[in-house]
Amino acid sequence: MSPTPPPTRPRLTIFGRGSYAESLRIGEILRKETVGGALLVAAAVIALIWANSPVSESYFALRDFKFGYEPWHLELSLGAWAADGLLAIFFFLVGLELKREFIAGDLRQINKSIVPVAAAVGGVAIPAIIYTIVNFASPETLRGWAIPTATDIAFAVAVLAIIGSHLPSALRIFLLTLAVVDDLIAITIIAVFYTSDLQPMPLLLALIPLGIYTYLAHRYRRFFKIKASAAWLILLPLGAVTWALVHASGIHATVAGVLLGFAVPVLRSKASGGPEAARVSRRSSSTGSARSRPGSPFRSSRFSPPVWPWAAGRDWARR
């Protein structure tokens, strides 16, 4: 009898092709973001022309127009509402998708996640080091070492959404993860090094609604899946209070969006549509015997349909 050949170990690939279900999911996200990406690029071009035109005063007057509730320290300019308010919603969605990727997506495998994460760390560290070396003799400008560290994730996702359909799925996942992790590191730098007037009490109080939000999201995840309106009535006020308290603490309010996104549970079980279900999904799609079920019962694409159109710009396209 011929000897039994030893079992072959699975080959680890860093730039390997993602799973079928994950490729479909990323492609669907980028298709949803195409209109929003085009609107963002168009708005940026209009703003650049407007701000550098003879009527630039009207642009800055609109940007600096203030409104909001002063007793809660929320009388902010229109530009501040966009930077701290709307961007927090965007980072909420970013936090949802990033958590899903690392828990139930392809990036849960260390050999697939290490490259985009390492690239993001390098993209933060190398520009900061170069800036520090160039401005080392000037203490006034040296304080701006964090300026070149951040990738503008909104524009990165916008460009990726516009041209993403022509890129391989593995490259799309890599670029999306790179941009997200890079910006999360930049937000952490802002929170740690550039918070000049930190108020500990609002920051501690923010832990209360955040904790309640996290508990309800995990404990009653199936209830919120069935009753989508309940998320608006119960979780949205808790998220708004968390955002307001983080903003009052002096930390960049987008941190609240990321934390709220990370608080949403992502399940990995086969019954809930986790990574094991991706294999079933692929077989079912080839045989036509069942429906595809990627994701978890509380994953981002099911939790945030009411929010996503506003972030992606689809409602603006209808008007």
C-alpha atoms as a PDB file:
ATOM      1  CA  MET A   1       0.000   0.000   0.000  1.00  0.00           C
ATOM      2  CA  SER A   2       1.218   3.451  -0.829  1.00  0.00           C
ATOM      3  CA  PRO A   3       1.779   5.720   2.157  1.00  0.00           C
ATOM      4  CA  THR A   4      -0.934   8.275   2.864  1.00  0.00           C
ATOM      5  CA  PRO A   5       0.250  11.729   1.828  1.00  0.00           C
ATOM      6  CA  PRO A   6       0.454  14.215   4.689  1.00  0.00           C
ATOM      7  CA  PRO A   7      -2.405  16.723   4.859  1.00  0.00           C
ATOM      8  CA  THR A   8      -1.664  19.989   3.148  1.00  0.00           C
ATOM      9  CA  ARG A   9      -1.934  23.147   5.175  1.00  0.00           C
ATOM     10  CA  PRO A  10      -4.154  25.894   3.818  1.00  0.00           C
ATOM     11  CA  ARG A  11      -2.214  28.578   2.034  1.00  0.00           C
ATOM     12  CA  LEU A  12      -2.332  32.002   3.651  1.00  0.00           C
ATOM     13  CA  THR A  13      -2.673  34.849   1.202  1.00  0.00           C
ATOM     14  CA  ILE A  14      -2.544  38.527   2.072  1.00  0.00           C
ATOM     15  CA  PHE A  15      -4.006  39.949  -1.110  1.00  0.00           C
ATOM     16  CA  GLY A  16      -6.227  36.947  -1.710  1.00  0.00           C
ATOM     17  CA  ARG A  17      -9.642  37.293  -3.195  1.00  0.00           C
ATOM     18  CA  GLY A  18     -12.403  37.999  -0.672  1.00  0.00           C
ATOM     19  CA  SER A  19     -15.346  35.732  -0.114  1.00  0.00           C
ATOM     20  CA  TYR A  20     -18.187  35.788  -2.625  1.00  0.00           C
ATOM     21  CA  ALA A  21     -20.735  37.188  -0.153  1.00  0.00           C
ATOM     22  CA  GLU A  22     -18.307  39.874   1.013  1.00  0.00           C
ATOM     23  CA  SER A  23     -17.555  40.955  -2.551  1.00  0.00           C
ATOM     24  CA  LEU A  24     -21.276  41.308  -3.233  1.00  0.00           C
ATOM     25  CA  ARG A  25     -21.786  43.280  -0.022  1.00  0.00           C
ATOM     26  CA  ILE A  26     -18.957  45.760  -0.688  1.00  0.00           C
ATOM     27  CA  GLY A  27     -20.162  46.202  -4.252  1.00  0.00           C
ATOM     28  CA  GLU A  28     -23.696  46.930  -3.029  1.00  0.00           C
ATOM     29  CA  ILE A  29     -22.421  49.522  -0.545  1.00  0.00           C
ATOM     30  CA  LEU A  30     -20.389  51.325  -3.200  1.00  0.00           C
ATOM     31  CA  ARG A  31     -23.344  51.351  -5.598  1.00  0.00           C
ATOM     32  CA  LYS A  32     -25.457  52.987  -2.899  1.00  0.00           C
ATOM     33  CA  GLU A  33     -22.707  55.550  -2.305  1.00  0.00           C
ATOM     34  CA  THR A  34     -22.238  56.478  -5.979  1.00  0.00           C
ATOM     35  CA  VAL A  35     -24.824  59.273  -6.019  1.00  0.00           C
ATOM     36  CA  GLY A  36     -23.639  60.610  -2.669  1.00  0.00           C
ATOM     37  CA  GLY A  37     -20.030  60.512  -3.845  1.00  0.00           C
ATOM     38  CA  ALA A  38     -20.844  62.409  -7.022  1.00  0.00           C
ATOM     39  CA  LEU A  39     -22.783  65.020  -5.023  1.00  0.00           C
ATOM     40  CA  LEU A  40     -19.902  65.403  -2.571  1.00  0.00           C
ATOM     41  CA  VAL A  41     -17.332  65.956  -5.311  1.00  0.00           C
ATOM     42  CA  ALA A  42     -19.625  68.393  -7.125  1.00  0.00           C
ATOM     43  CA  ALA A  43     -20.323  70.313  -3.891  1.00  0.00           C
ATOM     44  CA  ALA A  44     -16.597  70.533  -3.142  1.00  0.00           C
ATOM     45  CA  VAL A  45     -15.892  71.975  -6.586  1.00  0.00           C
ATOM     46  CA  ILE A  46     -18.705  74.515  -6.206  1.00  0.00           C
ATOM     47  CA  ALA A  47     -17.468  75.482  -2.726  1.00  0.00           C
ATOM     48  CA  LEU A  48     -13.891  75.987  -3.971  1.00  0.00           C
ATOM     49  CA  ILE A  49     -15.050  78.200  -6.809  1.00  0.00           C
ATOM     50  CA  TRP A  50     -17.476  80.107  -4.583  1.00  0.00           C
ATOM     51  CA  ALA A  51     -14.941  80.665  -1.766  1.00  0.00           C
ATOM     52  CA  ASN A  52     -12.372  82.062  -4.227  1.00  0.00           C
ATOM     53  CA  SER A  53     -14.778  84.177  -6.279  1.00  0.00           C
ATOM     54  CA  PRO A  54     -15.611  87.897  -5.951  1.00  0.00           C
ATOM     55  CA  VAL A  55     -18.717  86.916  -3.932  1.00  0.00           C
ATOM     56  CA  SER A  56     -16.744  84.862  -1.401  1.00  0.00           C
ATOM     57  CA  GLU A  57     -18.097  86.937   1.486  1.00  0.00           C
ATOM     58  CA  SER A  58     -21.519  85.336   1.026  1.00  0.00           C
ATOM     59  CA  TYR A  59     -19.937  81.893   1.261  1.00  0.00           C
ATOM     60  CA  PHE A  60     -18.187  82.648   4.544  1.00  0.00           C
ATOM     61  CA  ALA A  61     -21.294  84.390   5.900  1.00  0.00           C
ATOM     62  CA  LEU A  62     -23.310  81.232   5.213  1.00  0.00           C
ATOM     63  CA  ARG A  63     -20.620  79.022   6.724  1.00  0.00           C
ATOM     64  CA  ASP A  64     -20.434  81.137   9.896  1.00  0.00           C
ATOM     65  CA  PHE A  65     -24.202  81.508  10.351  1.00  0.00           C
ATOM     66  CA  LYS A  66     -25.026  80.240  13.852  1.00  0.00           C
ATOM     67  CA  PHE A  67     -28.102  78.470  15.165  1.00  0.00           C
ATOM     68  CA  GLY A  68     -28.894  75.995  17.938  1.00  0.00           C
ATOM     69  CA  TYR A  69     -29.701  75.834  21.639  1.00  0.00           C
ATOM     70  CA  GLU A  70     -27.192  77.948  23.570  1.00  0.00           C
ATOM     71  CA  PRO A  71     -27.893  76.570  27.118  1.00  0.00           C
ATOM     72  CA  TRP A  72     -26.680  73.184  25.895  1.00  0.00           C
ATOM     73  CA  HIS A  73     -23.663  74.773  24.174  1.00  0.00           C
ATOM     74  CA  LEU A  74     -25.129  73.817  20.823  1.00  0.00           C
ATOM     75  CA  GLU A  75     -25.333  77.251  19.213  1.00  0.00           C
ATOM     76  CA  LEU A  76     -22.941  76.339  16.427  1.00  0.00           C
ATOM     77  CA  SER A  77     -22.132  77.699  13.012  1.00  0.00           C
ATOM     78  CA  LEU A  78     -23.374  75.919   9.914  1.00  0.00           C
ATOM     79  CA  GLY A  79     -19.823  74.734   9.251  1.00  0.00           C
ATOM     80  CA  ALA A  80     -19.532  73.363  12.790  1.00  0.00           C
ATOM     81  CA  TRP A  81     -22.868  71.517  12.464  1.00  0.00           C
ATOM     82  CA  ALA A  82     -21.555  69.886   9.290  1.00  0.00           C
ATOM     83  CA  ALA A  83     -18.171  69.002  10.821  1.00  0.00           C
ATOM     84  CA  ASP A  84     -19.439  67.818  14.211  1.00  0.00           C
ATOM     85  CA  GLY A  85     -23.020  66.782  13.464  1.00  0.00           C
ATOM     86  CA  LEU A  86     -23.387  65.352   9.966  1.00  0.00           C
ATOM     87  CA  LEU A  87     -19.886  63.897  10.048  1.00  0.00           C
ATOM     88  CA  ALA A  88     -20.768  62.075  13.277  1.00  0.00           C
ATOM     89  CA  ILE A  89     -23.617  60.345  11.414  1.00  0.00           C
ATOM     90  CA  PHE A  90     -21.177  59.405   8.667  1.00  0.00           C
ATOM     91  CA  PHE A  91     -18.722  57.971  11.203  1.00  0.00           C
ATOM     92  CA  PHE A  92     -21.570  56.067  12.854  1.00  0.00           C
ATOM     93  CA  LEU A  93     -22.049  54.212   9.575  1.00  0.00           C
ATOM     94  CA  VAL A  94     -18.274  53.833   9.252  1.00  0.00           C
ATOM     95  CA  GLY A  95     -18.104  52.305  12.734  1.00  0.00           C
ATOM     96  CA  LEU A  96     -20.902  49.872  11.872  1.00  0.00           C
ATOM     97  CA  GLU A  97     -19.214  48.656   8.707  1.00  0.00           C
ATOM     98  CA  LEU A  98     -15.731  48.482  10.223  1.00  0.00           C
ATOM     99  CA  LYS A  99     -16.934  46.424  13.182  1.00  0.00           C
ATOM    100  CA  ARG A 100     -18.796  44.119  10.833  1.00  0.00           C
ATOM    101  CA  GLU A 101     -15.656  43.664   8.728  1.00  0.00           C
ATOM    102  CA  PHE A 102     -13.453  42.732  11.692  1.00  0.00           C
ATOM    103  CA  ILE A 103     -15.990  40.474  13.419  1.00  0.00           C
ATOM    104  CA  ALA A 104     -17.981  38.765  10.656  1.00  0.00           C
ATOM    105  CA  GLY A 105     -16.338  39.924   7.419  1.00  0.00           C
ATOM    106  CA  ASP A 106     -13.207  38.948   5.554  1.00  0.00           C
ATOM    107  CA  LEU A 107     -11.015  41.150   7.766  1.00  0.00           C
ATOM    108  CA  ARG A 108     -11.612  38.887  10.763  1.00  0.00           C
ATOM    109  CA  GLN A 109      -8.724  36.868   9.307  1.00  0.00           C
ATOM    110  CA  ILE A 110      -5.453  38.379  10.506  1.00  0.00           C
ATOM    111  CA  ASN A 111      -3.668  37.741   7.202  1.00  0.00           C
ATOM    112  CA  LYS A 112      -6.255  39.877   5.386  1.00  0.00           C
ATOM    113  CA  SER A 113      -6.569  42.660   7.943  1.00  0.00           C
ATOM    114  CA  ILE A 114      -2.894  43.198   8.776  1.00  0.00           C
ATOM    115  CA  VAL A 115      -1.993  44.855   5.471  1.00  0.00           C
ATOM    116  CA  PRO A 116      -4.647  47.623   5.369  1.00  0.00           C
ATOM    117  CA  VAL A 117      -4.225  48.281   9.100  1.00  0.00           C
ATOM    118  CA  ALA A 118      -0.424  48.472   8.775  1.00  0.00           C
ATOM    119  CA  ALA A 119      -0.791  50.705   5.706  1.00  0.00           C
ATOM    120  CA  ALA A 120      -3.115  53.009   7.674  1.00  0.00           C
ATOM    121  CA  VAL A 121      -0.650  53.217  10.575  1.00  0.00           C
ATOM    122  CA  GLY A 122       2.156  53.979   8.134  1.00  0.00           C
ATOM    123  CA  GLY A 123      -0.016  56.553   6.395  1.00  0.00           C
ATOM    124  CA  VAL A 124      -0.397  58.338   9.737  1.00  0.00           C
ATOM    125  CA  ALA A 125       3.151  57.961  11.092  1.00  0.00           C
ATOM    126  CA  ILE A 126       5.302  58.689   8.014  1.00  0.00           C
ATOM    127  CA  PRO A 127       3.696  62.053   7.073  1.00  0.00           C
ATOM    128  CA  ALA A 128       3.837  63.138  10.726  1.00  0.00           C
ATOM    129  CA  ILE A 129       7.523  62.243  10.948  1.00  0.00           C
ATOM    130  CA  ILE A 130       8.336  64.096   7.724  1.00  0.00           C
ATOM    131  CA  TYR A 131       6.397  67.156   8.902  1.00  0.00           C
ATOM    132  CA  THR A 132       8.198  67.090  12.268  1.00  0.00           C
ATOM    133  CA  ILE A 133      11.608  66.896  10.623  1.00  0.00           C
ATOM    134  CA  VAL A 134      10.855  69.796   8.258  1.00  0.00           C
ATOM    135  CA  ASN A 135       9.391  72.017  11.004  1.00  0.00           C
ATOM    136  CA  PHE A 136      11.609  70.939  13.889  1.00  0.00           C
ATOM    137  CA  ALA A 137      13.277  74.350  14.150  1.00  0.00           C
ATOM    138  CA  SER A 138       9.951  76.213  14.278  1.00  0.00           C
ATOM    139  CA  PRO A 139       8.008  75.564  17.503  1.00  0.00           C
ATOM    140  CA  GLU A 140       5.007  77.536  16.201  1.00  0.00           C
ATOM    141  CA  THR A 141       4.459  75.330  13.170  1.00  0.00           C
ATOM    142  CA  LEU A 142       5.640  72.132  14.850  1.00  0.00           C
ATOM    143  CA  ARG A 143       2.334  71.899  16.701  1.00  0.00           C
ATOM    144  CA  GLY A 144       0.630  71.117  13.393  1.00  0.00           C
ATOM    145  CA  TRP A 145       2.361  67.735  13.066  1.00  0.00           C
ATOM    146  CA  ALA A 146      -1.002  65.931  12.897  1.00  0.00           C
ATOM    147  CA  ILE A 147      -2.280  67.921   9.906  1.00  0.00           C
ATOM    148  CA  PRO A 148      -0.884  65.578   7.210  1.00  0.00           C
ATOM    149  CA  THR A 149      -1.878  62.385   9.051  1.00  0.00           C
ATOM    150  CA  ALA A 150      -5.558  62.164   8.128  1.00  0.00           C
ATOM    151  CA  THR A 151      -7.073  60.835   4.947  1.00  0.00           C
ATOM    152  CA  ASP A 152     -10.345  62.604   4.216  1.00  0.00           C
ATOM    153  CA  ILE A 153     -12.481  59.488   4.446  1.00  0.00           C
ATOM    154  CA  ALA A 154     -15.577  61.176   3.039  1.00  0.00           C
ATOM    155  CA  PHE A 155     -13.752  62.031  -0.189  1.00  0.00           C
ATOM    156  CA  ALA A 156     -11.942  58.686  -0.212  1.00  0.00           C
ATOM    157  CA  VAL A 157     -15.243  56.788  -0.048  1.00  0.00           C
ATOM    158  CA  ALA A 158     -16.759  59.167  -2.603  1.00  0.00           C
ATOM    159  CA  VAL A 159     -14.000  58.561  -5.138  1.00  0.00           C
ATOM    160  CA  LEU A 160     -14.029  54.835  -4.399  1.00  0.00           C
ATOM    161  CA  ALA A 161     -17.795  54.758  -4.890  1.00  0.00           C
ATOM    162  CA  ILE A 162     -17.504  56.471  -8.274  1.00  0.00           C
ATOM    163  CA  ILE A 163     -14.717  54.274  -9.680  1.00  0.00           C
ATOM    164  CA  GLY A 164     -15.057  51.255  -7.363  1.00  0.00           C
ATOM    165  CA  SER A 165     -17.067  49.153  -9.796  1.00  0.00           C
ATOM    166  CA  HIS A 166     -14.016  48.981 -12.066  1.00  0.00           C
ATOM    167  CA  LEU A 167     -11.682  47.723  -9.330  1.00  0.00           C
ATOM    168  CA  PRO A 168     -11.136  44.146  -8.059  1.00  0.00           C
ATOM    169  CA  SER A 169     -13.121  43.333  -4.933  1.00  0.00           C
ATOM    170  CA  ALA A 170      -9.975  42.661  -2.859  1.00  0.00           C
ATOM    171  CA  LEU A 171      -8.582  46.092  -3.758  1.00  0.00           C
ATOM    172  CA  ARG A 172     -11.882  47.798  -2.907  1.00  0.00           C
ATOM    173  CA  ILE A 173     -11.940  46.193   0.551  1.00  0.00           C
ATOM    174  CA  PHE A 174      -8.288  47.131   1.072  1.00  0.00           C
ATOM    175  CA  LEU A 175      -8.778  50.791   0.120  1.00  0.00           C
ATOM    176  CA  LEU A 176     -11.982  51.128   2.127  1.00  0.00           C
ATOM    177  CA  THR A 177     -10.369  49.641   5.257  1.00  0.00           C
ATOM    178  CA  LEU A 178      -7.246  51.760   4.775  1.00  0.00           C
ATOM    179  CA  ALA A 179      -9.245  54.997   4.601  1.00  0.00           C
ATOM    180  CA  VAL A 180     -11.461  54.106   7.560  1.00  0.00           C
ATOM    181  CA  VAL A 181      -8.678  52.985   9.927  1.00  0.00           C
ATOM    182  CA  ASP A 182      -6.517  55.959   8.906  1.00  0.00           C
ATOM    183  CA  ASP A 183      -9.275  58.409   9.811  1.00  0.00           C
ATOM    184  CA  LEU A 184     -10.089  56.627  13.078  1.00  0.00           C
ATOM    185  CA  ILE A 185      -6.445  56.988  14.113  1.00  0.00           C
ATOM    186  CA  ALA A 186      -6.573  60.667  13.153  1.00  0.00           C
ATOM    187  CA  ILE A 187      -9.699  61.156  15.293  1.00  0.00           C
ATOM    188  CA  THR A 188      -7.916  59.521  18.222  1.00  0.00           C
ATOM    189  CA  ILE A 189      -4.987  61.911  17.752  1.00  0.00           C
ATOM    190  CA  ILE A 190      -7.377  64.871  17.782  1.00  0.00           C
ATOM    191  CA  ALA A 191      -9.074  63.598  20.944  1.00  0.00           C
ATOM    192  CA  VAL A 192      -5.781  62.999  22.782  1.00  0.00           C
ATOM    193  CA  PHE A 193      -3.482  65.798  21.605  1.00  0.00           C
ATOM    194  CA  TYR A 194      -5.750  68.606  20.393  1.00  0.00           C
ATOM    195  CA  THR A 195      -8.431  68.817  23.063  1.00  0.00           C
ATOM    196  CA  SER A 196      -7.397  72.036  24.788  1.00  0.00           C
ATOM    197  CA  ASP A 197     -10.439  72.520  27.037  1.00  0.00           C
ATOM    198  CA  LEU A 198     -11.428  69.079  28.246  1.00  0.00           C
ATOM    199  CA  GLN A 199     -14.499  68.941  30.489  1.00  0.00           C
ATOM    200  CA  PRO A 200     -14.415  65.641  32.443  1.00  0.00           C
ATOM    201  CA  MET A 201     -17.988  65.816  33.796  1.00  0.00           C
ATOM    202  CA  PRO A 202     -19.844  65.816  30.427  1.00  0.00           C
ATOM    203  CA  LEU A 203     -17.484  63.091  29.218  1.00  0.00           C
ATOM    204  CA  LEU A 204     -18.305  60.902  32.240  1.00  0.00           C
ATOM    205  CA  LEU A 205     -22.015  61.618  31.881  1.00  0.00           C
ATOM    206  CA  ALA A 206     -21.817  60.517  28.223  1.00  0.00           C
ATOM    207  CA  LEU A 207     -21.005  57.009  29.441  1.00  0.00           C
ATOM    208  CA  ILE A 208     -24.534  56.680  30.892  1.00  0.00           C
ATOM    209  CA  PRO A 209     -26.567  57.046  27.650  1.00  0.00           C
ATOM    210  CA  LEU A 210     -23.836  55.186  25.760  1.00  0.00           C
ATOM    211  CA  GLY A 211     -24.063  52.276  28.207  1.00  0.00           C
ATOM    212  CA  ILE A 212     -27.880  52.196  28.002  1.00  0.00           C
ATOM    213  CA  TYR A 213     -27.671  52.366  24.208  1.00  0.00           C
ATOM    214  CA  THR A 214     -25.204  49.452  24.126  1.00  0.00           C
ATOM    215  CA  TYR A 215     -27.272  47.342  26.514  1.00  0.00           C
ATOM    216  CA  LEU A 216     -30.523  47.868  24.606  1.00  0.00           C
ATOM    217  CA  ALA A 217     -28.865  47.273  21.234  1.00  0.00           C
ATOM    218  CA  HIS A 218     -27.467  43.919  22.420  1.00  0.00           C
ATOM    219  CA  ARG A 219     -30.342  42.802  24.637  1.00  0.00           C
ATOM    220  CA  TYR A 220     -33.163  43.616  22.207  1.00  0.00           C
ATOM    221  CA  ARG A 221     -31.411  43.309  18.860  1.00  0.00           C
ATOM    222  CA  ARG A 222     -34.159  41.145  17.332  1.00  0.00           C
ATOM    223  CA  PHE A 223     -36.837  43.541  18.547  1.00  0.00           C
ATOM    224  CA  PHE A 224     -35.116  46.431  16.765  1.00  0.00           C
ATOM    225  CA  LYS A 225     -34.763  44.246  13.675  1.00  0.00           C
ATOM    226  CA  ILE A 226     -38.527  43.607  13.583  1.00  0.00           C
ATOM    227  CA  LYS A 227     -39.580  47.084  14.743  1.00  0.00           C
ATOM    228  CA  ALA A 228     -37.330  49.425  12.784  1.00  0.00           C
ATOM    229  CA  SER A 229     -39.227  52.474  14.034  1.00  0.00           C
ATOM    230  CA  ALA A 230     -38.246  51.588  17.599  1.00  0.00           C
ATOM    231  CA  ALA A 231     -34.639  52.468  16.813  1.00  0.00           C
ATOM    232  CA  TRP A 232     -35.758  56.009  15.976  1.00  0.00           C
ATOM    233  CA  LEU A 233     -37.869  56.336  19.132  1.00  0.00           C
ATOM    234  CA  ILE A 234     -35.509  54.659  21.630  1.00  0.00           C
ATOM    235  CA  LEU A 235     -31.935  54.460  20.334  1.00  0.00           C
ATOM    236  CA  LEU A 236     -31.807  57.731  18.383  1.00  0.00           C
ATOM    237  CA  PRO A 237     -32.485  59.967  21.455  1.00  0.00           C
ATOM    238  CA  LEU A 238     -29.840  58.056  23.422  1.00  0.00           C
ATOM    239  CA  GLY A 239     -27.375  58.539  20.576  1.00  0.00           C
ATOM    240  CA  ALA A 240     -28.208  62.247  20.351  1.00  0.00           C
ATOM    241  CA  VAL A 241     -27.638  62.732  24.095  1.00  0.00           C
ATOM    242  CA  THR A 242     -24.340  60.855  23.871  1.00  0.00           C
ATOM    243  CA  TRP A 243     -23.253  63.062  20.963  1.00  0.00           C
ATOM    244  CA  ALA A 244     -24.249  66.278  22.794  1.00  0.00           C
ATOM    245  CA  LEU A 245     -22.350  65.311  25.955  1.00  0.00           C
ATOM    246  CA  VAL A 246     -19.220  64.281  24.035  1.00  0.00           C
ATOM    247  CA  HIS A 247     -19.391  67.582  22.144  1.00  0.00           C
ATOM    248  CA  ALA A 248     -19.766  69.497  25.425  1.00  0.00           C
ATOM    249  CA  SER A 249     -16.712  67.707  26.839  1.00  0.00           C
ATOM    250  CA  GLY A 250     -14.476  69.334  24.236  1.00  0.00           C
ATOM    251  CA  ILE A 251     -13.637  66.110  22.369  1.00  0.00           C
ATOM    252  CA  HIS A 252     -14.386  65.982  18.658  1.00  0.00           C
ATOM    253  CA  ALA A 253     -18.005  64.870  18.420  1.00  0.00           C
ATOM    254  CA  THR A 254     -17.322  62.346  15.645  1.00  0.00           C
ATOM    255  CA  VAL A 255     -15.840  60.139  18.373  1.00  0.00           C
ATOM    256  CA  ALA A 256     -19.409  59.646  19.622  1.00  0.00           C
ATOM    257  CA  GLY A 257     -20.484  58.449  16.184  1.00  0.00           C
ATOM    258  CA  VAL A 258     -17.705  55.860  16.087  1.00  0.00           C
ATOM    259  CA  LEU A 259     -18.470  54.615  19.618  1.00  0.00           C
ATOM    260  CA  LEU A 260     -22.189  54.304  18.863  1.00  0.00           C
ATOM    261  CA  GLY A 261     -21.396  52.377  15.696  1.00  0.00           C
ATOM    262  CA  PHE A 262     -19.091  50.012  17.584  1.00  0.00           C
ATOM    263  CA  ALA A 263     -21.828  49.484  20.200  1.00  0.00           C
ATOM    264  CA  VAL A 264     -24.138  47.802  17.675  1.00  0.00           C
ATOM    265  CA  PRO A 265     -23.791  43.999  17.919  1.00  0.00           C
ATOM    266  CA  VAL A 266     -22.615  41.856  15.039  1.00  0.00           C
ATOM    267  CA  LEU A 267     -23.322  38.128  15.325  1.00  0.00           C
ATOM    268  CA  ARG A 268     -21.132  35.419  13.832  1.00  0.00           C
ATOM    269  CA  SER A 269     -23.477  32.440  14.132  1.00  0.00           C
ATOM    270  CA  LYS A 270     -24.637  30.549  11.077  1.00  0.00           C
ATOM    271  CA  ALA A 271     -28.287  30.957  12.063  1.00  0.00           C
ATOM    272  CA  SER A 272     -27.835  34.712  12.210  1.00  0.00           C
ATOM    273  CA  GLY A 273     -26.134  34.942   8.860  1.00  0.00           C
ATOM    274  CA  GLY A 274     -22.541  35.209  10.046  1.00  0.00           C
ATOM    275  CA  PRO A 275     -19.438  34.112   8.145  1.00  0.00           C
ATOM    276  CA  GLU A 276     -20.518  30.477   8.141  1.00  0.00           C
ATOM    277  CA  ALA A 277     -23.708  31.494   6.376  1.00  0.00           C
ATOM    278  CA  ALA A 278     -21.631  33.110   3.649  1.00  0.00           C
ATOM    279  CA  ARG A 279     -20.640  29.630   2.467  1.00  0.00           C
ATOM    280  CA  VAL A 280     -24.295  28.576   2.435  1.00  0.00           C
ATOM    281  CA  SER A 281     -25.132  31.805   0.613  1.00  0.00           C
ATOM    282  CA  ARG A 282     -22.614  31.050  -2.124  1.00  0.00           C
ATOM    283  CA  ARG A 283     -23.849  27.524  -2.624  1.00  0.00           C
ATOM    284  CA  SER A 284     -27.463  28.685  -2.612  1.00  0.00           C
ATOM    285  CA  SER A 285     -26.789  31.387  -5.189  1.00  0.00           C
ATOM    286  CA  SER A 286     -25.248  28.853  -7.524  1.00  0.00           C
ATOM    287  CA  THR A 287     -28.137  26.401  -7.174  1.00  0.00           C
ATOM    288  CA  GLY A 288     -30.942  28.919  -6.804  1.00  0.00           C
ATOM    289  CA  SER A 289     -32.402  26.911  -3.914  1.00  0.00           C
ATOM    290  CA  ALA A 290     -32.320  29.586  -1.206  1.00  0.00           C
ATOM    291  CA  ARG A 291     -31.898  33.257  -0.598  1.00  0.00           C
ATOM    292  CA  SER A 292     -28.580  34.843   0.285  1.00  0.00           C
ATOM    293  CA  ARG A 293     -28.286  35.891   3.895  1.00  0.00           C
ATOM    294  CA  PRO A 294     -25.010  37.737   4.429  1.00  0.00           C
ATOM    295  CA  GLY A 295     -24.537  39.644   7.642  1.00  0.00           C
ATOM    296  CA  SER A 296     -26.169  39.452  11.046  1.00  0.00           C
ATOM    297  CA  PRO A 297     -29.717  40.256  12.151  1.00  0.00           C
ATOM    298  CA  PHE A 298     -28.440  43.538  13.510  1.00  0.00           C
ATOM    299  CA  ARG A 299     -25.714  44.315  10.991  1.00  0.00           C
ATOM    300  CA  SER A 300     -25.318  47.809   9.638  1.00  0.00           C
ATOM    301  CA  SER A 301     -27.231  47.381   6.393  1.00  0.00           C
ATOM    302  CA  ARG A 302     -30.322  46.251   8.316  1.00  0.00           C
ATOM    303  CA  PHE A 303     -29.929  48.577  11.266  1.00  0.00           C
ATOM    304  CA  SER A 304     -29.416  51.823   9.351  1.00  0.00           C
ATOM    305  CA  PRO A 305     -31.677  51.899   6.266  1.00  0.00           C
ATOM    306  CA  PRO A 306     -33.428  55.104   7.467  1.00  0.00           C
ATOM    307  CA  VAL A 307     -30.036  56.808   7.953  1.00  0.00           C
ATOM    308  CA  TRP A 308     -28.179  55.507   4.915  1.00  0.00           C
ATOM    309  CA  PRO A 309     -30.079  57.440   2.196  1.00  0.00           C
ATOM    310  CA  TRP A 310     -29.189  60.744   3.827  1.00  0.00           C
ATOM    311  CA  ALA A 311     -25.538  59.734   4.183  1.00  0.00           C
ATOM    312  CA  ALA A 312     -25.361  58.400   0.638  1.00  0.00           C
ATOM    313  CA  GLY A 313     -27.232  61.320  -0.915  1.00  0.00           C
ATOM    314  CA  ARG A 314     -29.994  59.270  -2.531  1.00  0.00           C
ATOM    315  CA  ASP A 315     -32.781  61.379  -1.010  1.00  0.00           C
ATOM    316  CA  TRP A 316     -31.100  64.520  -2.344  1.00  0.00           C
ATOM    317  CA  ALA A 317     -31.063  62.970  -5.787  1.00  0.00           C
ATOM    318  CA  ARG A 318     -34.829  62.448  -5.644  1.00  0.00           C
ATOM    319  CA  ARG A 319     -35.515  66.130  -4.905  1.00  0.00           C
END
